[in-house]
Protein backbone atom coordinates (compact mmCIF):
# COMPACT_ATOMS: atom_id res chain seq x y z
CA ASP A 1 51.23 -32.49 25.56
CA LYS A 2 49.26 -33.13 28.88
CA THR A 3 52.33 -33.85 30.79
CA VAL A 4 54.98 -32.33 33.01
CA ARG A 5 58.49 -33.59 33.21
CA LEU A 6 60.78 -33.09 36.26
CA TRP A 7 64.42 -32.81 35.10
CA VAL A 8 67.71 -33.36 36.91
CA VAL A 9 69.61 -30.25 35.65
CA ALA A 10 73.07 -31.77 36.66
CA SER A 11 72.57 -34.79 34.63
CA GLY A 12 70.01 -33.77 32.08
CA SER A 13 67.77 -36.65 32.71
CA CYS A 14 64.20 -36.85 33.08
CA GLU A 15 63.47 -37.80 36.71
CA ALA A 16 59.73 -38.08 36.37
CA MET A 17 56.69 -37.43 34.00
CA LEU A 18 53.62 -36.33 35.75
CA GLU A 19 50.76 -37.55 33.41
CA ILE A 20 46.97 -37.17 34.49
CA HIS A 21 45.60 -33.96 32.94
CA SER A 22 43.18 -34.35 30.04
CA ASN A 23 44.37 -31.22 28.42
CA GLN A 24 47.29 -29.07 27.78
CA VAL A 25 49.25 -27.96 31.05
CA THR A 26 49.23 -24.11 31.30
CA SER A 27 50.69 -23.35 34.73
CA VAL A 28 53.39 -24.95 37.10
CA ALA A 29 54.43 -23.91 40.63
CA PHE A 30 56.76 -25.49 43.23
CA SER A 31 56.57 -25.26 46.77
CA PRO A 32 59.31 -23.55 48.50
CA ASP A 33 60.91 -26.65 49.78
CA GLY A 34 60.58 -28.37 46.21
CA LYS A 35 58.87 -31.34 47.59
CA ARG A 36 55.50 -30.45 45.83
CA VAL A 37 54.40 -29.12 42.61
CA ALA A 38 51.01 -27.63 41.56
CA THR A 39 49.90 -27.93 37.88
CA GLY A 40 47.13 -26.19 36.13
CA SER A 41 45.33 -27.31 32.81
CA GLY A 42 43.09 -26.49 30.28
CA ASP A 43 40.93 -29.29 31.77
CA LYS A 44 40.13 -26.83 34.27
CA THR A 45 41.80 -28.54 37.10
CA VAL A 46 44.57 -27.90 39.47
CA ARG A 47 46.62 -30.93 40.73
CA LEU A 48 48.84 -30.95 43.53
CA TRP A 49 51.83 -33.52 43.25
CA ASP A 50 54.42 -35.14 45.47
CA VAL A 51 57.68 -34.53 43.77
CA ALA A 52 59.51 -37.75 45.08
CA SER A 53 56.95 -40.24 44.34
CA GLY A 54 55.34 -38.45 41.15
CA SER A 55 51.70 -39.30 42.63
CA CYS A 56 49.00 -36.66 42.25
CA ASP A 57 47.29 -36.63 45.87
CA THR A 58 45.01 -33.68 45.32
CA ALA A 59 42.72 -32.66 42.35
CA LEU A 60 40.85 -29.27 42.64
CA GLU A 61 38.42 -29.33 40.06
CA GLY A 62 35.32 -27.05 38.68
CA HIS A 63 37.44 -23.99 37.57
CA SER A 64 35.17 -22.16 34.95
CA THR A 65 38.15 -20.86 32.98
CA LEU A 66 41.80 -22.11 32.44
CA SER A 67 44.04 -22.23 35.31
CA PRO A 68 46.09 -19.26 35.30
CA ALA A 69 49.98 -18.89 35.48
CA TRP A 70 50.94 -18.42 38.94
CA PRO A 71 53.76 -16.00 40.10
CA SER A 72 56.51 -17.42 42.10
CA ALA A 73 56.23 -16.92 45.69
CA PRO A 74 58.42 -17.04 48.87
CA THR A 75 55.99 -19.39 50.69
CA GLY A 76 53.36 -21.82 49.72
CA SER A 77 50.44 -19.72 51.32
CA GLU A 78 50.23 -17.45 48.36
CA LEU A 79 49.34 -20.41 46.21
CA ARG A 80 47.05 -21.88 48.76
CA ARG A 81 45.24 -18.59 48.96
CA ALA A 82 44.72 -18.34 45.14
CA LEU A 83 43.34 -21.56 44.92
CA GLY A 84 41.09 -21.13 47.97
CA THR A 85 42.62 -24.30 49.76
CA ARG A 86 43.93 -24.40 53.28
CA ARG A 87 46.46 -27.14 53.42
């Protein structure tokens, strides 16, 4: 439904709803410290979010295909390399 919801497991409550993609969200990956999340969508963008504020601070556009699902990684560097970013 073009959104990502962040849930508090202990209470079962929705802490935040991340809404900006214009197509279905197909991929989600958290940073190892849990402070950031990357989302990929059928709109051919990858967006990087600040979990605490729920704000999207980076949009990576121009992918020629759907953003792939990302494997879990022990560090954020694998995701950055896969996306071609240096942050």
